C-alpha atoms as a PDB file:
ATOM      1  CA  MET A   1     112.254  89.844 101.817  1.00  0.00           C
ATOM      2  CA  LYS A   2     114.006  87.848  99.338  1.00  0.00           C
ATOM      3  CA  ILE A   3     113.511  88.192  95.544  1.00  0.00           C
ATOM      4  CA  ILE A   4     112.380  84.591  94.285  1.00  0.00           C
ATOM      5  CA  ARG A   5     111.409  85.603  90.681  1.00  0.00           C
ATOM      6  CA  ASN A   6     111.756  88.940  88.794  1.00  0.00           C
ATOM      7  CA  GLU A   7     110.401  88.570  85.217  1.00  0.00           C
ATOM      8  CA  PRO A   8     108.518  91.072  83.210  1.00  0.00           C
ATOM      9  CA  ALA A   9     105.309  88.956  83.725  1.00  0.00           C
ATOM     10  CA  SER A  10     105.573  88.501  87.528  1.00  0.00           C
ATOM     11  CA  LEU A  11     107.520  89.418  90.591  1.00  0.00           C
ATOM     12  CA  ILE A  12     107.606  87.083  93.580  1.00  0.00           C
ATOM     13  CA  LEU A  13     109.030  88.174  96.938  1.00  0.00           C
ATOM     14  CA  GLU A  14     109.329  85.849  99.954  1.00  0.00           C
ATOM     15  CA  GLU A  15     110.225  85.729 103.561  1.00  0.00           C
ATOM     16  CA  ARG A  16     111.051  82.526 105.406  1.00  0.00           C
ATOM     17  CA  PRO A  17     112.121  82.995 108.951  1.00  0.00           C
ATOM     18  CA  ILE A  18     114.103  79.831 108.979  1.00  0.00           C
ATOM     19  CA  LEU A  19     116.837  80.859 111.544  1.00  0.00           C
ATOM     20  CA  ALA A  20     114.142  82.302 113.820  1.00  0.00           C
ATOM     21  CA  GLY A  21     112.150  78.948 113.683  1.00  0.00           C
ATOM     22  CA  LEU A  22     115.301  77.043 114.364  1.00  0.00           C
ATOM     23  CA  LEU A  23     116.318  79.139 117.192  1.00  0.00           C
ATOM     24  CA  ILE A  24     112.822  79.100 118.902  1.00  0.00           C
ATOM     25  CA  GLY A  25     112.489  75.408 118.248  1.00  0.00           C
ATOM     26  CA  GLY A  26     115.827  74.780 119.835  1.00  0.00           C
ATOM     27  CA  MET A  27     114.847  76.764 122.795  1.00  0.00           C
ATOM     28  CA  ILE A  28     111.648  74.711 123.287  1.00  0.00           C
ATOM     29  CA  LEU A  29     113.782  71.463 123.027  1.00  0.00           C
ATOM     30  CA  ILE A  30     116.370  72.787 125.653  1.00  0.00           C
ATOM     31  CA  PHE A  31     113.600  73.713 128.222  1.00  0.00           C
ATOM     32  CA  ALA A  32     111.620  70.421 127.642  1.00  0.00           C
ATOM     33  CA  ALA A  33     114.926  68.411 128.180  1.00  0.00           C
ATOM     34  CA  ILE A  34     115.641  70.367 131.262  1.00  0.00           C
ATOM     35  CA  GLY A  35     112.093  69.770 132.544  1.00  0.00           C
ATOM     36  CA  PHE A  36     112.187  66.139 131.817  1.00  0.00           C
ATOM     37  CA  GLY A  37     115.499  65.948 133.550  1.00  0.00           C
ATOM     38  CA  LEU A  38     114.172  67.492 136.673  1.00  0.00           C
ATOM     39  CA  LEU A  39     111.088  65.323 136.493  1.00  0.00           C
ATOM     40  CA  GLY A  40     113.381  62.201 136.345  1.00  0.00           C
ATOM     41  CA  ASN A  41     115.138  63.445 139.539  1.00  0.00           C
ATOM     42  CA  GLY A  42     111.941  63.848 141.278  1.00  0.00           C
ATOM     43  CA  GLU A  43     111.703  67.586 141.217  1.00  0.00           C
ATOM     44  CA  ILE A  44     108.057  67.698 140.181  1.00  0.00           C
ATOM     45  CA  ILE A  45     107.510  71.406 140.505  1.00  0.00           C
ATOM     46  CA  GLY A  46     110.580  72.606 138.913  1.00  0.00           C
ATOM     47  CA  GLY A  47     110.239  70.053 136.074  1.00  0.00           C
ATOM     48  CA  ILE A  48     106.715  71.027 135.356  1.00  0.00           C
ATOM     49  CA  MET A  49     107.670  74.833 135.375  1.00  0.00           C
ATOM     50  CA  PHE A  50     110.623  74.371 133.021  1.00  0.00           C
ATOM     51  CA  PHE A  51     108.823  72.004 130.684  1.00  0.00           C
ATOM     52  CA  GLY A  52     105.493  73.940 130.673  1.00  0.00           C
ATOM     53  CA  GLY A  53     107.001  77.369 130.706  1.00  0.00           C
ATOM     54  CA  GLY A  54     109.576  76.515 127.859  1.00  0.00           C
ATOM     55  CA  VAL A  55     107.112  74.762 125.789  1.00  0.00           C
ATOM     56  CA  GLY A  56     104.404  77.339 126.289  1.00  0.00           C
ATOM     57  CA  ILE A  57     106.433  80.476 125.860  1.00  0.00           C
ATOM     58  CA  GLY A  58     108.351  79.007 123.058  1.00  0.00           C
ATOM     59  CA  GLY A  59     105.169  77.783 121.335  1.00  0.00           C
ATOM     60  CA  LEU A  60     103.651  81.276 121.513  1.00  0.00           C
ATOM     61  CA  SER A  61     106.824  82.701 120.289  1.00  0.00           C
ATOM     62  CA  PHE A  62     106.901  80.295 117.319  1.00  0.00           C
ATOM     63  CA  TRP A  63     103.092  81.121 116.609  1.00  0.00           C
ATOM     64  CA  ALA A  64     103.863  84.862 116.785  1.00  0.00           C
ATOM     65  CA  PHE A  65     107.199  85.353 114.947  1.00  0.00           C
ATOM     66  CA  VAL A  66     107.577  82.380 112.501  1.00  0.00           C
ATOM     67  CA  ARG A  67     105.587  83.352 109.516  1.00  0.00           C
ATOM     68  CA  GLN A  68     106.243  82.816 105.885  1.00  0.00           C
ATOM     69  CA  THR A  69     105.115  85.690 103.751  1.00  0.00           C
ATOM     70  CA  GLN A  70     104.842  85.678  99.877  1.00  0.00           C
ATOM     71  CA  LEU A  71     104.128  88.604  97.568  1.00  0.00           C
ATOM     72  CA  TRP A  72     102.988  87.784  93.949  1.00  0.00           C
ATOM     73  CA  LEU A  73     102.675  90.615  91.385  1.00  0.00           C
ATOM     74  CA  ASP A  74     101.260  89.041  88.184  1.00  0.00           C
ATOM     75  CA  ARG A  75     100.729  91.094  85.026  1.00  0.00           C
ATOM     76  CA  ALA A  76      98.973  88.261  83.214  1.00  0.00           C
ATOM     77  CA  SER A  77      96.063  88.083  85.705  1.00  0.00           C
ATOM     78  CA  GLY A  78      96.352  91.664  86.690  1.00  0.00           C
ATOM     79  CA  GLN A  79      96.288  90.724  90.434  1.00  0.00           C
ATOM     80  CA  PHE A  80      98.633  90.917  93.411  1.00  0.00           C
ATOM     81  CA  VAL A  81      98.378  88.243  96.194  1.00  0.00           C
ATOM     82  CA  LEU A  82      99.951  88.675  99.689  1.00  0.00           C
ATOM     83  CA  ARG A  83      99.944  85.335 101.488  1.00  0.00           C
ATOM     84  CA  GLU A  84     100.976  84.699 105.107  1.00  0.00           C
ATOM     85  CA  ARG A  85     101.320  81.172 106.563  1.00  0.00           C
ATOM     86  CA  SER A  86     101.850  80.524 110.145  1.00  0.00           C
ATOM     87  CA  VAL A  87     101.234  77.648 112.737  1.00  0.00           C
ATOM     88  CA  GLY A  88      97.641  79.131 112.919  1.00  0.00           C
ATOM     89  CA  GLY A  89      96.794  78.917 109.336  1.00  0.00           C
ATOM     90  CA  MET A  90      97.029  81.121 106.117  1.00  0.00           C
ATOM     91  CA  THR A  91      95.760  84.585 105.454  1.00  0.00           C
ATOM     92  CA  GLU A  92      95.559  86.142 101.870  1.00  0.00           C
ATOM     93  CA  ILE A  93      95.117  89.650 100.658  1.00  0.00           C
ATOM     94  CA  THR A  94      94.373  89.924  96.973  1.00  0.00           C
ATOM     95  CA  GLY A  95      93.568  92.841  94.737  1.00  0.00           C
ATOM     96  CA  PRO A  96      94.000  94.454  91.410  1.00  0.00           C
ATOM     97  CA  LEU A  97      97.447  95.113  90.319  1.00  0.00           C
ATOM     98  CA  ALA A  98      96.445  98.425  89.049  1.00  0.00           C
ATOM     99  CA  ASP A  99      95.586  99.405  92.694  1.00  0.00           C
ATOM    100  CA  ILE A 100      99.198  99.486  93.808  1.00  0.00           C
ATOM    101  CA  LYS A 101     100.463 102.899  93.524  1.00  0.00           C
ATOM    102  CA  GLU A 102     103.926 102.275  94.995  1.00  0.00           C
ATOM    103  CA  ALA A 103     105.861 100.221  97.550  1.00  0.00           C
ATOM    104  CA  ILE A 104     106.990 102.409 100.641  1.00  0.00           C
ATOM    105  CA  LEU A 105     108.982 102.125 103.676  1.00  0.00           C
ATOM    106  CA  GLN A 106     107.202 102.407 107.071  1.00  0.00           C
ATOM    107  CA  THR A 107     109.321 103.510 109.773  1.00  0.00           C
ATOM    108  CA  SER A 108     109.377 102.845 113.543  1.00  0.00           C
ATOM    109  CA  HIS A 109     111.491 104.876 116.091  1.00  0.00           C
ATOM    110  CA  GLY A 110     112.530 102.741 119.187  1.00  0.00           C
ATOM    111  CA  SER A 111     112.611 104.288 122.621  1.00  0.00           C
ATOM    112  CA  LYS A 112     116.460 104.432 122.580  1.00  0.00           C
ATOM    113  CA  GLY A 113     116.723 106.138 119.113  1.00  0.00           C
ATOM    114  CA  GLY A 114     116.832 103.107 116.971  1.00  0.00           C
ATOM    115  CA  VAL A 115     115.091 103.120 113.584  1.00  0.00           C
ATOM    116  CA  THR A 116     113.579 100.134 112.126  1.00  0.00           C
ATOM    117  CA  ARG A 117     111.661  99.657 108.761  1.00  0.00           C
ATOM    118  CA  ARG A 118     109.403  97.378 106.918  1.00  0.00           C
ATOM    119  CA  ALA A 119     107.972  97.402 103.334  1.00  0.00           C
ATOM    120  CA  ALA A 120     104.403  98.193 102.495  1.00  0.00           C
ATOM    121  CA  LEU A 121     102.178  98.567  99.416  1.00  0.00           C
ATOM    122  CA  ARG A 122     100.382 101.899  99.138  1.00  0.00           C
ATOM    123  CA  CYS A 123      97.119 100.957  97.192  1.00  0.00           C
ATOM    124  CA  VAL A 124      94.552 103.244  95.750  1.00  0.00           C
ATOM    125  CA  GLY A 125      91.199 102.649  94.121  1.00  0.00           C
ATOM    126  CA  LYS A 126      89.223  99.515  95.218  1.00  0.00           C
ATOM    127  CA  THR A 127      91.937  98.491  97.775  1.00  0.00           C
ATOM    128  CA  ASN A 128      92.659 101.886  99.004  1.00  0.00           C
ATOM    129  CA  ARG A 129      94.968 101.225 102.058  1.00  0.00           C
ATOM    130  CA  ILE A 130      98.460 100.598 102.910  1.00  0.00           C
ATOM    131  CA  ILE A 131      99.221  96.978 103.274  1.00  0.00           C
ATOM    132  CA  PRO A 132     102.484  95.914 105.134  1.00  0.00           C
ATOM    133  CA  LEU A 133     104.359  93.123 103.657  1.00  0.00           C
ATOM    134  CA  THR A 134     105.548  91.981 106.890  1.00  0.00           C
ATOM    135  CA  GLY A 135     104.393  92.080 110.533  1.00  0.00           C
ATOM    136  CA  VAL A 136     107.605  93.018 111.885  1.00  0.00           C
ATOM    137  CA  TYR A 137     110.118  96.010 111.579  1.00  0.00           C
ATOM    138  CA  THR A 138     113.750  95.294 110.963  1.00  0.00           C
ATOM    139  CA  ASN A 139     116.916  97.273 110.827  1.00  0.00           C
ATOM    140  CA  GLY A 140     118.501  95.280 107.966  1.00  0.00           C
ATOM    141  CA  ALA A 141     118.469  96.183 104.192  1.00  0.00           C
ATOM    142  CA  GLY A 142     115.549  93.882 103.438  1.00  0.00           C
ATOM    143  CA  PRO A 143     112.658  96.263 103.476  1.00  0.00           C
ATOM    144  CA  ARG A 144     114.386  98.761 101.281  1.00  0.00           C
ATOM    145  CA  ARG A 145     115.235  96.080  98.796  1.00  0.00           C
ATOM    146  CA  ALA A 146     111.850  94.650  98.717  1.00  0.00           C
ATOM    147  CA  ALA A 147     110.273  98.228  98.171  1.00  0.00           C
ATOM    148  CA  GLN A 148     112.744  98.976  95.415  1.00  0.00           C
ATOM    149  CA  ALA A 149     112.110  95.662  93.539  1.00  0.00           C
ATOM    150  CA  VAL A 150     108.319  96.378  93.669  1.00  0.00           C
ATOM    151  CA  ASN A 151     108.790  99.942  92.462  1.00  0.00           C
ATOM    152  CA  ASP A 152     111.366  98.936  89.744  1.00  0.00           C
ATOM    153  CA  TRP A 153     108.882  96.202  88.459  1.00  0.00           C
ATOM    154  CA  LEU A 154     105.961  98.433  88.595  1.00  0.00           C
ATOM    155  CA  VAL A 155     107.951 101.035  86.601  1.00  0.00           C
ATOM    156  CA  GLN A 156     108.949  98.262  84.083  1.00  0.00           C
ATOM    157  CA  SER A 157     105.198  97.215  83.653  1.00  0.00           C
ATOM    158  CA  ALA A 158     104.067 100.784  83.308  1.00  0.00           C
ATOM    159  CA  VAL A 159     106.624 101.365  80.512  1.00  0.00           C
ATOM    160  CA  ARG A 160     105.616  98.269  78.720  1.00  0.00           C
ATOM    161  CA  ARG A 161     101.939  99.151  79.077  1.00  0.00           C
ATOM    162  CA  THR A 162     101.933 102.938  78.405  1.00  0.00           C
ATOM    163  CA  GLY A 163     105.361 103.698  77.243  1.00  0.00           C
ATOM    164  CA  ALA A 164     105.573 106.268  80.015  1.00  0.00           C
ATOM    165  CA  VAL A 165     106.806 106.240  83.650  1.00  0.00           C
ATOM    166  CA  GLN A 166     104.782 107.681  86.243  1.00  0.00           C
ATOM    167  CA  GLN A 167     105.762 106.818  89.712  1.00  0.00           C
ATOM    168  CA  ASP A 168     106.555 108.457  93.103  1.00  0.00           C
ATOM    169  CA  SER A 169     109.697 107.306  94.914  1.00  0.00           C
ATOM    170  CA  PRO A 170     109.483 105.178  97.988  1.00  0.00           C
ATOM    171  CA  GLN A 171     108.926 107.142 101.191  1.00  0.00           C
ATOM    172  CA  GLU A 172     110.349 106.569 104.658  1.00  0.00           C
END
């Protein structure tokens, strides 16, 4: 996730999978063009399979993987908002900012020994659950940066409110 705003009053993190959207959209166009070409040459079955399969599988991939995610932490309202927009609509999770204990890293171990991570919020109180910031795990530095940004912002907020720092470090 990318840091959009990091101010004492608010922190905004966002993930926009533009490259994934362009690649999947390009794949859809290529398969559709091949399908139309085959249909134009009189190959009905092959044309329908290329067009239908490319558009169908590409559309499902676009729906599943291209999701804009945004996390807002707002001291003024005392709330956090996690929004996810996709082709299928928007979901939103809100809760009291005081419920966020820390940001953590969730780890997934692949069958070939690879390790991927995603950032998540560990909440207590009324929210009382772990809320992943993204639906996918990645091997990049983004999840670590996102968790660190949230934890740093929470510490900064705690110091301003109470004058003392009480926070655990992110866990993997």
